[in-house]
Amino acid sequence: MTQESATPDNHEVVVDELDLAIVNCLQLHPRASWTLLASALDVDPVTVARRWQRLSDAGIAWVSGRAAGQGRAESCLAVVELSCSATETLSIAERVTELPHVLSVEHTTGPRSLTLLVEVRDLAFLSQFLLTSLEGVLATTSYAVTQVYSMGDHWQLHVLDAAQHAVMLGAQPPRLDGLTAAASTPARPYDAVDRRIILLLGEDGRMPVATIAARAGLSESTVRRRLTDLVGNGRVVLRCDIALPDSGWPVISWLWAQADARDIDDVAARLRRMSGIRVCWRISGGPSNLMLALTTHSLHELSVVEARLATEVPEMTIHDRSMVLRSLKRMGRQLDAAGRSVRVVPLDIWADPAGGPILPAGPRTAAATASGRRRRVLLP
């Protein structure tokens, strides 16, 4: 095993191959011990822990947790597009970033100013969330996610070799993530104890059991038992993220597409096998029934990936495209202009949705409608 010397300045961290390998290991097994990672990567456990602390302190990489909704009875996932006045777009983005139901906030190209991913308890909560006004929003469009084929939770750097990959996966049972039949129906609803633990995992998905117990007012044995249930049964999603510019995959683009309903599952299965596909959802609320996120190394690569899509998935027709100019929030983390985490904004699908204003304010709505701008709220 090799061992490194301490790095003196975490403010000027340059990500190298070992850092990427550590992140990839945690993408496979987010709460794995440093000993397991050291075994997979053939380095000293102290080196792995030090490297991760450096990445975490710099906001380059982090592990988070959230309730595994993704279409279950206790969750409604929706994409909300906001058209904002130019002078208020940043202010609106900062305000919606604070909302506990908003998983992600992106500044995007095209007719929408901001694209949000929102998760609430059910359609009634989503309606309440949408029907509160926010000054500066001119129009909204929303799509319900009716099936998740893949999320950013499943995206990997793919820098591990086969042996390293096998070590990481061999140390745990198959990962349940809300997408498999075995994990589709929770054995019981989330209770208050589950929620306390999940909110703490939202701050740090690797938070030690002792820390969770102390902060949640629970015994360590209770926390261990609940974690085994929540993680082992796919009722909490643990996810390792990395700032995209540091990952080597800095560009994200969204595609809205259509596939015949009879072919859509087969189309989605082929899309999931393509390395550039970060997200694949079935959606309802507009002319498209698929929404994809492409991750690429450069802007120029986008045309190459689209050409591959046309060749490999000819049954799919692309209706619209949008590029992410900047991610302001990703799965409960506020991001800076470099895509690095600067603050935790815990996700809470059980919070009061009245705290989440999105729709245009009254006077602005009337003016926008009168001037011919479309105001659409499309629910399934």
Protein backbone atom coordinates (compact mmCIF):
# COMPACT_ATOMS: atom_id res chain seq x y z
CA MET A 1 0.00 0.00 0.00
CA THR A 2 1.08 3.55 -0.71
CA GLN A 3 0.71 6.48 1.66
CA GLU A 4 0.75 10.21 0.94
CA SER A 5 1.84 13.22 2.90
CA ALA A 6 -0.68 15.76 4.21
CA THR A 7 -1.89 18.49 1.86
CA PRO A 8 -1.49 21.89 3.52
CA ASP A 9 -4.10 23.98 1.68
CA ASN A 10 -7.60 22.70 1.01
CA HIS A 11 -8.56 25.98 -0.66
CA GLU A 12 -6.47 25.19 -3.74
CA VAL A 13 -7.38 21.56 -4.20
CA VAL A 14 -6.61 20.01 -7.57
CA VAL A 15 -8.48 16.77 -8.17
CA ASP A 16 -6.34 13.86 -9.32
CA GLU A 17 -6.97 10.25 -10.32
CA LEU A 18 -6.97 8.93 -6.74
CA ASP A 19 -9.54 11.55 -5.71
CA LEU A 20 -11.80 10.52 -8.60
CA ALA A 21 -11.38 6.86 -7.66
CA ILE A 22 -12.41 7.60 -4.06
CA VAL A 23 -15.50 9.42 -5.28
CA ASN A 24 -16.34 6.55 -7.64
CA CYS A 25 -16.05 4.08 -4.74
CA LEU A 26 -18.47 6.17 -2.69
CA GLN A 27 -20.85 6.40 -5.64
CA LEU A 28 -21.08 2.62 -5.41
CA HIS A 29 -21.15 2.38 -1.60
CA PRO A 30 -21.71 5.82 0.02
CA ARG A 31 -21.20 4.71 3.65
CA ALA A 32 -18.34 2.30 3.00
CA SER A 33 -15.52 2.23 5.54
CA TRP A 34 -12.17 3.78 4.71
CA THR A 35 -10.70 0.32 5.18
CA LEU A 36 -12.84 -1.05 2.36
CA LEU A 37 -11.91 1.81 0.04
CA ALA A 38 -8.25 1.36 0.94
CA SER A 39 -8.50 -2.33 0.05
CA ALA A 40 -10.12 -1.55 -3.30
CA LEU A 41 -7.64 1.19 -4.21
CA ASP A 42 -4.51 -0.31 -2.62
CA VAL A 43 -3.73 2.72 -0.48
CA ASP A 44 -3.60 3.37 3.24
CA PRO A 45 -6.97 3.99 4.99
CA VAL A 46 -5.55 7.19 6.54
CA THR A 47 -4.76 8.44 3.05
CA VAL A 48 -8.31 7.75 1.88
CA ALA A 49 -9.83 9.52 4.91
CA ARG A 50 -7.52 12.51 4.51
CA ARG A 51 -8.23 12.78 0.81
CA TRP A 52 -11.99 12.66 1.38
CA GLN A 53 -11.81 15.28 4.13
CA ARG A 54 -9.90 17.56 1.80
CA LEU A 55 -12.46 17.10 -0.99
CA SER A 56 -15.33 17.62 1.44
CA ASP A 57 -13.83 20.73 3.04
CA ALA A 58 -13.32 22.25 -0.41
CA GLY A 59 -16.92 21.51 -1.39
CA ILE A 60 -15.73 19.35 -4.28
CA ALA A 61 -17.45 16.14 -3.20
CA TRP A 62 -20.09 15.20 -0.67
CA VAL A 63 -22.48 12.40 0.31
CA SER A 64 -26.12 13.22 0.99
CA GLY A 65 -29.26 11.28 1.85
CA ARG A 66 -32.94 11.80 1.17
CA ALA A 67 -36.19 9.86 1.38
CA ALA A 68 -36.59 7.44 -1.53
CA GLY A 69 -39.80 8.72 -3.04
CA GLN A 70 -39.51 8.42 -6.83
CA GLY A 71 -43.17 7.75 -7.55
CA ARG A 72 -44.08 5.91 -4.36
CA ALA A 73 -47.26 6.66 -2.48
CA GLU A 74 -45.49 9.13 -0.22
CA SER A 75 -43.86 11.18 -2.94
CA CYS A 76 -44.54 13.25 -6.04
CA LEU A 77 -41.59 14.29 -8.20
CA ALA A 78 -42.07 17.17 -10.64
CA VAL A 79 -40.07 19.40 -12.96
CA VAL A 80 -41.03 23.07 -12.76
CA GLU A 81 -39.80 25.60 -15.31
CA LEU A 82 -39.86 29.27 -14.40
CA SER A 83 -39.81 32.21 -16.80
CA CYS A 84 -38.50 35.20 -14.83
CA SER A 85 -37.82 38.84 -15.46
CA ALA A 86 -34.12 39.21 -16.25
CA THR A 87 -33.42 41.54 -13.35
CA GLU A 88 -34.96 39.16 -10.81
CA THR A 89 -33.79 35.74 -12.02
CA LEU A 90 -30.87 35.47 -9.60
CA SER A 91 -32.95 36.71 -6.68
CA ILE A 92 -35.69 34.18 -7.46
CA ALA A 93 -33.11 31.41 -7.80
CA GLU A 94 -31.70 32.25 -4.39
CA ARG A 95 -35.17 32.24 -2.82
CA VAL A 96 -36.29 28.91 -4.27
CA THR A 97 -32.94 27.37 -3.31
CA GLU A 98 -33.99 27.80 0.33
CA LEU A 99 -37.17 25.75 -0.08
CA PRO A 100 -37.03 22.24 1.44
CA HIS A 101 -39.07 20.68 -1.39
CA VAL A 102 -36.76 21.94 -4.13
CA LEU A 103 -34.13 19.29 -4.83
CA SER A 104 -32.30 21.13 -7.62
CA VAL A 105 -32.20 24.60 -9.17
CA GLU A 106 -30.60 25.25 -12.56
CA HIS A 107 -30.15 28.36 -14.67
CA THR A 108 -30.92 27.15 -18.19
CA THR A 109 -31.01 28.30 -21.79
CA GLY A 110 -34.15 28.56 -23.89
CA PRO A 111 -37.57 29.95 -22.95
CA ARG A 112 -37.29 28.88 -19.31
CA SER A 113 -35.05 30.94 -17.02
CA LEU A 114 -34.84 28.40 -14.21
CA THR A 115 -35.54 24.68 -14.06
CA LEU A 116 -36.41 23.15 -10.69
CA LEU A 117 -36.78 19.56 -9.55
CA VAL A 118 -39.38 19.45 -6.79
CA GLU A 119 -40.44 16.60 -4.52
CA VAL A 120 -43.48 16.75 -2.26
CA ARG A 121 -45.70 14.21 -0.55
CA ASP A 122 -48.49 13.97 -3.13
CA LEU A 123 -50.32 15.83 -5.91
CA ALA A 124 -52.32 17.90 -3.42
CA PHE A 125 -49.06 19.11 -1.86
CA LEU A 126 -47.72 19.88 -5.33
CA SER A 127 -50.81 21.94 -6.15
CA GLN A 128 -50.51 23.88 -2.90
CA PHE A 129 -46.81 24.40 -3.57
CA LEU A 130 -47.48 25.77 -7.06
CA LEU A 131 -50.43 27.97 -6.22
CA THR A 132 -48.54 30.51 -4.12
CA SER A 133 -47.21 33.57 -5.93
CA LEU A 134 -43.62 34.78 -6.15
CA GLU A 135 -42.84 38.28 -7.38
CA GLY A 136 -40.84 38.32 -10.60
CA VAL A 137 -42.02 34.98 -12.00
CA LEU A 138 -43.76 35.63 -15.32
CA ALA A 139 -44.85 32.11 -16.21
CA THR A 140 -44.45 28.49 -15.16
CA THR A 141 -44.68 25.06 -16.72
CA SER A 142 -44.68 21.85 -14.71
CA TYR A 143 -44.35 18.17 -15.57
CA ALA A 144 -45.00 15.27 -13.24
CA VAL A 145 -42.36 12.52 -13.27
CA THR A 146 -44.41 9.35 -13.57
CA GLN A 147 -41.51 6.91 -13.76
CA VAL A 148 -37.84 7.19 -12.91
CA TYR A 149 -35.62 5.07 -15.14
CA SER A 150 -32.39 6.65 -13.90
CA MET A 151 -31.33 9.58 -11.71
CA GLY A 152 -28.09 11.36 -10.98
CA ASP A 153 -28.01 8.97 -8.00
CA HIS A 154 -26.92 6.23 -10.38
CA TRP A 155 -24.44 8.17 -12.49
CA GLN A 156 -20.79 7.17 -12.02
CA LEU A 157 -17.39 8.44 -13.01
CA HIS A 158 -16.42 4.95 -14.27
CA VAL A 159 -12.75 5.31 -13.34
CA LEU A 160 -12.48 2.05 -11.38
CA ASP A 161 -11.17 -1.08 -13.01
CA ALA A 162 -13.09 -4.36 -12.83
CA ALA A 163 -11.21 -5.62 -9.75
CA GLN A 164 -11.75 -2.40 -7.80
CA HIS A 165 -15.41 -2.38 -8.80
CA ALA A 166 -15.82 -5.96 -7.61
CA VAL A 167 -14.29 -5.19 -4.20
CA MET A 168 -16.74 -2.34 -3.62
CA LEU A 169 -19.82 -4.23 -4.75
CA GLY A 170 -18.79 -7.46 -3.08
CA ALA A 171 -18.98 -5.85 0.36
CA GLN A 172 -22.71 -5.14 0.23
CA PRO A 173 -25.96 -6.68 -1.02
CA PRO A 174 -27.40 -5.37 -4.30
CA ARG A 175 -28.25 -1.68 -3.89
CA LEU A 176 -31.97 -0.94 -3.70
CA ASP A 177 -32.78 2.55 -4.90
CA GLY A 178 -36.52 2.77 -5.40
CA LEU A 179 -36.31 1.60 -9.02
CA THR A 180 -36.45 -2.15 -8.46
CA ALA A 181 -39.57 -4.18 -7.85
CA ALA A 182 -38.19 -5.35 -4.50
CA ALA A 183 -37.99 -1.76 -3.29
CA SER A 184 -41.15 -0.38 -4.92
CA THR A 185 -43.42 -0.59 -1.86
CA PRO A 186 -42.13 0.29 1.62
CA ALA A 187 -43.11 -2.13 4.38
CA ARG A 188 -44.36 0.78 6.48
CA PRO A 189 -44.74 4.57 6.20
CA TYR A 190 -41.89 6.80 7.30
CA ASP A 191 -42.35 7.78 10.95
CA ALA A 192 -40.95 10.66 12.99
CA VAL A 193 -37.76 8.74 13.86
CA ASP A 194 -37.12 7.91 10.20
CA ARG A 195 -37.58 11.56 9.30
CA ARG A 196 -35.14 12.80 11.93
CA ILE A 197 -32.50 10.37 10.69
CA ILE A 198 -33.13 11.17 7.01
CA LEU A 199 -32.84 14.92 7.59
CA LEU A 200 -29.48 14.39 9.32
CA LEU A 201 -28.31 12.22 6.43
CA GLY A 202 -29.29 15.13 4.20
CA GLU A 203 -26.60 17.16 5.94
CA ASP A 204 -24.00 14.40 5.67
CA GLY A 205 -24.78 10.98 4.26
CA ARG A 206 -21.67 9.62 6.02
CA MET A 207 -22.58 11.06 9.41
CA PRO A 208 -21.39 8.59 12.10
CA VAL A 209 -24.00 6.61 14.00
CA ALA A 210 -22.93 8.19 17.30
CA THR A 211 -23.43 11.70 15.90
CA ILE A 212 -26.85 10.86 14.48
CA ALA A 213 -27.89 9.35 17.81
CA ALA A 214 -26.76 12.39 19.79
CA ARG A 215 -28.41 14.91 17.48
CA ALA A 216 -31.64 12.95 17.02
CA GLY A 217 -31.98 12.08 20.71
CA LEU A 218 -31.89 8.34 20.00
CA SER A 219 -29.83 5.40 21.17
CA GLU A 220 -27.04 4.19 18.90
CA SER A 221 -28.70 0.78 18.67
CA THR A 222 -31.92 2.41 17.42
CA VAL A 223 -29.99 4.41 14.81
CA ARG A 224 -28.14 1.32 13.60
CA ARG A 225 -31.36 -0.65 13.33
CA ARG A 226 -33.16 2.15 11.48
CA LEU A 227 -30.22 2.72 9.13
CA THR A 228 -30.18 -0.97 8.28
CA ASP A 229 -33.87 -0.74 7.38
CA LEU A 230 -33.72 2.59 5.56
CA VAL A 231 -30.58 1.86 3.54
CA GLY A 232 -30.96 -1.90 3.17
CA ASN A 233 -34.53 -1.66 1.89
CA GLY A 234 -33.92 1.27 -0.40
CA ARG A 235 -36.07 3.65 1.65
CA VAL A 236 -33.37 6.30 1.77
CA VAL A 237 -31.23 7.31 -1.20
CA LEU A 238 -27.56 7.82 -0.35
CA ARG A 239 -25.67 9.61 -3.08
CA CYS A 240 -22.10 10.77 -3.61
CA ASP A 241 -21.84 13.94 -5.70
CA ILE A 242 -18.86 15.74 -7.18
CA ALA A 243 -18.66 19.27 -8.56
CA LEU A 244 -19.10 18.72 -12.28
CA PRO A 245 -16.21 20.94 -13.44
CA ASP A 246 -13.91 18.93 -11.18
CA SER A 247 -15.31 15.63 -12.44
CA GLY A 248 -14.29 16.12 -16.06
CA TRP A 249 -17.98 16.11 -17.10
CA PRO A 250 -18.86 19.81 -16.81
CA VAL A 251 -21.70 20.12 -19.34
CA ILE A 252 -25.32 19.11 -18.69
CA SER A 253 -28.07 19.41 -21.27
CA TRP A 254 -31.76 18.51 -21.03
CA LEU A 255 -33.70 16.88 -23.84
CA TRP A 256 -37.48 16.55 -24.11
CA ALA A 257 -38.39 13.58 -26.29
CA GLN A 258 -41.24 11.37 -27.43
CA ALA A 259 -41.39 7.60 -27.76
CA ASP A 260 -44.36 5.40 -28.47
CA ALA A 261 -45.92 4.29 -25.20
CA ARG A 262 -45.59 0.66 -26.33
CA ASP A 263 -41.82 1.04 -26.77
CA ILE A 264 -40.95 3.47 -24.01
CA ASP A 265 -39.64 0.95 -21.46
CA ASP A 266 -37.37 -0.66 -24.06
CA VAL A 267 -36.18 2.78 -25.21
CA ALA A 268 -35.42 3.76 -21.61
CA ALA A 269 -33.49 0.53 -21.02
CA ARG A 270 -31.24 1.29 -23.99
CA LEU A 271 -30.81 4.90 -22.88
CA ARG A 272 -29.68 3.78 -19.42
CA ARG A 273 -26.82 1.82 -20.98
CA MET A 274 -25.42 4.92 -22.69
CA SER A 275 -22.61 6.51 -20.68
CA GLY A 276 -23.67 10.10 -21.35
CA ILE A 277 -27.20 9.69 -19.96
CA ARG A 278 -27.34 11.07 -16.42
CA VAL A 279 -31.14 11.20 -16.02
CA CYS A 280 -34.02 9.45 -17.78
CA TRP A 281 -37.61 10.11 -16.69
CA ARG A 282 -41.04 9.38 -18.04
CA ILE A 283 -43.07 12.56 -17.70
CA SER A 284 -46.66 13.74 -18.05
CA GLY A 285 -47.94 17.24 -18.75
CA GLY A 286 -46.92 18.12 -22.30
CA PRO A 287 -46.18 16.80 -25.79
CA SER A 288 -43.07 14.92 -24.61
CA ASN A 289 -43.16 11.76 -22.53
CA LEU A 290 -39.41 11.43 -21.87
CA MET A 291 -36.97 13.84 -20.27
CA LEU A 292 -33.24 13.16 -20.42
CA ALA A 293 -30.14 14.80 -18.98
CA LEU A 294 -26.94 14.39 -20.96
CA THR A 295 -23.56 14.85 -19.30
CA THR A 296 -20.62 15.51 -21.62
CA HIS A 297 -16.97 16.50 -21.46
CA SER A 298 -17.50 19.57 -23.68
CA LEU A 299 -20.06 21.56 -25.64
CA HIS A 300 -18.79 20.07 -28.88
CA GLU A 301 -19.52 16.56 -27.64
CA LEU A 302 -23.27 17.27 -27.46
CA SER A 303 -23.74 16.86 -31.20
CA VAL A 304 -21.85 13.56 -31.06
CA VAL A 305 -24.11 12.23 -28.30
CA GLU A 306 -27.25 13.34 -30.13
CA ALA A 307 -26.01 11.57 -33.25
CA ARG A 308 -25.55 8.40 -31.18
CA LEU A 309 -29.10 8.77 -29.85
CA ALA A 310 -30.47 9.03 -33.37
CA THR A 311 -28.58 5.87 -34.37
CA GLU A 312 -29.14 3.75 -31.27
CA VAL A 313 -32.65 4.88 -30.36
CA PRO A 314 -34.32 5.74 -33.68
CA GLU A 315 -37.81 5.29 -32.19
CA MET A 316 -37.29 8.42 -30.08
CA THR A 317 -37.96 11.93 -31.40
CA ILE A 318 -36.36 14.93 -29.69
CA HIS A 319 -38.77 17.87 -29.27
CA ASP A 320 -36.72 20.41 -27.34
CA ARG A 321 -33.28 21.07 -25.87
CA SER A 322 -31.93 23.17 -23.02
CA MET A 323 -28.42 23.63 -21.64
CA VAL A 324 -27.58 24.16 -17.96
CA LEU A 325 -25.61 27.37 -17.65
CA ARG A 326 -25.18 26.98 -13.91
CA SER A 327 -26.41 24.66 -11.16
CA LEU A 328 -27.33 26.64 -8.06
CA LYS A 329 -28.60 23.73 -5.99
CA ARG A 330 -28.20 19.99 -6.35
CA MET A 331 -29.93 17.52 -4.07
CA GLY A 332 -29.89 19.70 -0.99
CA ARG A 333 -26.57 21.50 -1.54
CA GLN A 334 -26.22 25.13 -2.54
CA LEU A 335 -23.46 25.44 -5.14
CA ASP A 336 -21.14 28.29 -6.04
CA ALA A 337 -20.31 29.41 -9.58
CA ALA A 338 -17.69 26.64 -9.81
CA GLY A 339 -20.26 23.99 -8.94
CA ARG A 340 -18.79 23.36 -5.47
CA SER A 341 -20.94 22.91 -2.38
CA VAL A 342 -21.03 25.92 -0.07
CA ARG A 343 -23.97 25.10 2.20
CA VAL A 344 -26.45 22.40 3.12
CA VAL A 345 -30.13 23.13 2.44
CA PRO A 346 -31.81 19.98 3.86
CA LEU A 347 -34.55 18.38 1.77
CA ASP A 348 -37.83 17.71 3.55
CA ILE A 349 -40.76 16.36 1.52
CA TRP A 350 -42.91 16.50 4.66
CA ALA A 351 -42.52 20.27 5.23
CA ASP A 352 -45.47 22.60 4.74
CA PRO A 353 -45.67 23.31 0.98
CA ALA A 354 -47.15 26.73 1.67
CA GLY A 355 -43.56 27.77 2.30
CA GLY A 356 -42.78 27.20 -1.38
CA PRO A 357 -44.10 30.03 -3.57
CA ILE A 358 -43.57 29.58 -7.27
CA LEU A 359 -46.40 30.87 -9.47
CA PRO A 360 -46.57 34.40 -10.91
CA ALA A 361 -47.81 37.12 -8.59
CA GLY A 362 -51.34 38.36 -9.35
CA PRO A 363 -50.73 41.70 -11.11
CA ARG A 364 -47.81 40.29 -13.12
CA THR A 365 -49.88 37.30 -14.17
CA ALA A 366 -52.61 39.51 -15.57
CA ALA A 367 -50.07 41.62 -17.45
CA ALA A 368 -48.27 38.60 -18.83
CA THR A 369 -51.51 37.01 -19.99
CA ALA A 370 -52.67 40.25 -21.58
CA SER A 371 -49.42 40.59 -23.51
CA GLY A 372 -49.78 37.11 -24.95
CA ARG A 373 -47.24 35.25 -22.78
CA ARG A 374 -48.29 31.71 -21.94
CA ARG A 375 -48.98 30.84 -18.34
CA ARG A 376 -49.10 27.06 -18.05
CA VAL A 377 -49.36 24.78 -15.07
CA LEU A 378 -49.63 21.28 -16.44
CA LEU A 379 -50.38 18.56 -13.95
CA PRO A 380 -50.91 14.90 -14.80
